[in-house]
Protein backbone atom coordinates (compact mmCIF):
# COMPACT_ATOMS: atom_id res chain seq x y z
CA MET A 1 13.17 3.06 -4.01
CA TYR A 2 10.54 1.35 -1.90
CA GLU A 3 7.28 -0.04 -3.19
CA ILE A 4 3.90 -0.70 -1.58
CA ARG A 5 2.16 -3.86 -2.71
CA VAL A 6 -1.46 -4.93 -2.21
CA ASP A 7 -2.50 -8.57 -2.22
CA GLU A 8 -5.96 -8.09 -3.71
CA GLU A 9 -7.04 -11.60 -2.71
CA LYS A 10 -6.40 -10.80 0.96
CA CYS A 11 -7.79 -7.24 0.90
CA CYS A 12 -11.16 -7.03 2.67
CA ALA A 13 -11.53 -3.23 2.33
CA TYR A 14 -11.47 -2.52 6.06
CA GLY A 15 -10.11 0.94 5.21
CA ASN A 16 -7.63 1.21 8.09
CA CYS A 17 -4.86 2.08 5.65
CA VAL A 18 -6.98 4.83 4.08
CA VAL A 19 -7.57 6.40 7.50
CA ALA A 20 -3.88 6.16 8.43
CA ALA A 21 -2.49 7.43 5.10
CA PRO A 22 -5.18 9.03 2.90
CA ASP A 23 -2.48 10.59 0.73
CA VAL A 24 -1.29 7.11 -0.25
CA PHE A 25 -4.33 4.79 -0.11
CA ALA A 26 -7.94 4.97 -1.31
CA LEU A 27 -10.80 2.52 -1.68
CA GLY A 28 -11.71 1.76 -5.27
CA GLU A 29 -15.09 1.08 -6.81
CA THR A 30 -14.67 -2.66 -6.23
CA ASP A 31 -13.98 -2.09 -2.51
CA LYS A 32 -10.32 -2.94 -2.87
CA VAL A 33 -7.46 -0.68 -1.86
CA ILE A 34 -5.85 1.47 -4.50
CA VAL A 35 -2.31 2.68 -3.91
CA LEU A 36 -2.20 6.31 -5.02
CA GLN A 37 1.54 6.66 -4.51
CA PRO A 38 3.15 3.22 -4.94
CA GLU A 39 6.84 4.19 -4.72
CA PHE A 40 8.90 6.22 -2.26
CA PRO A 41 12.63 6.99 -2.02
CA SER A 42 12.20 6.32 1.71
CA VAL A 43 9.01 5.20 3.40
CA PRO A 44 7.33 7.79 5.64
CA PRO A 45 6.38 6.59 9.14
CA HIS A 46 2.65 7.06 8.53
CA VAL A 47 2.86 4.64 5.59
CA TYR A 48 4.45 1.96 7.79
CA ARG A 49 1.66 2.54 10.33
CA ALA A 50 -0.93 2.16 7.57
CA VAL A 51 0.61 -1.12 6.39
CA ARG A 52 0.73 -2.48 9.95
CA SER A 53 -2.89 -1.44 10.53
CA CYS A 54 -4.23 -3.88 7.92
CA PRO A 55 -5.99 -6.72 9.79
CA ALA A 56 -5.95 -8.89 6.65
CA TYR A 57 -2.17 -8.50 6.15
CA ALA A 58 -2.84 -7.49 2.54
CA LEU A 59 -0.19 -4.73 2.41
CA THR A 60 3.57 -5.01 2.23
CA VAL A 61 6.43 -2.55 1.77
CA GLY A 62 9.67 -3.60 0.18
CA ARG A 63 12.44 -2.55 -2.13
CA ALA A 64 11.18 -1.86 -5.63
CA GLU A 65 12.57 -4.29 -8.13
CA ALA A 66 14.75 -2.68 -10.75
CA THR A 67 13.42 -3.19 -14.23
CA GLU A 68 15.84 -3.54 -17.07
CA GLU A 69 15.03 -2.13 -20.46
CA ARG A 70 16.74 -3.70 -23.41
């Protein structure tokens, strides 16, 4: 699985990601990005474009960390 992460301290709410992938990103009430769909089995190309479109470099995509339940 792949995971989208938002660095809220870097996010300036430009909204480029929302325009590029409105099915995945939205702007919240505090003008920070909300990830509507945070995990994917494989990352669609439009999501990579959305991440690259962030001028504040607040978005990253990476492998989701496996969580162990004990």
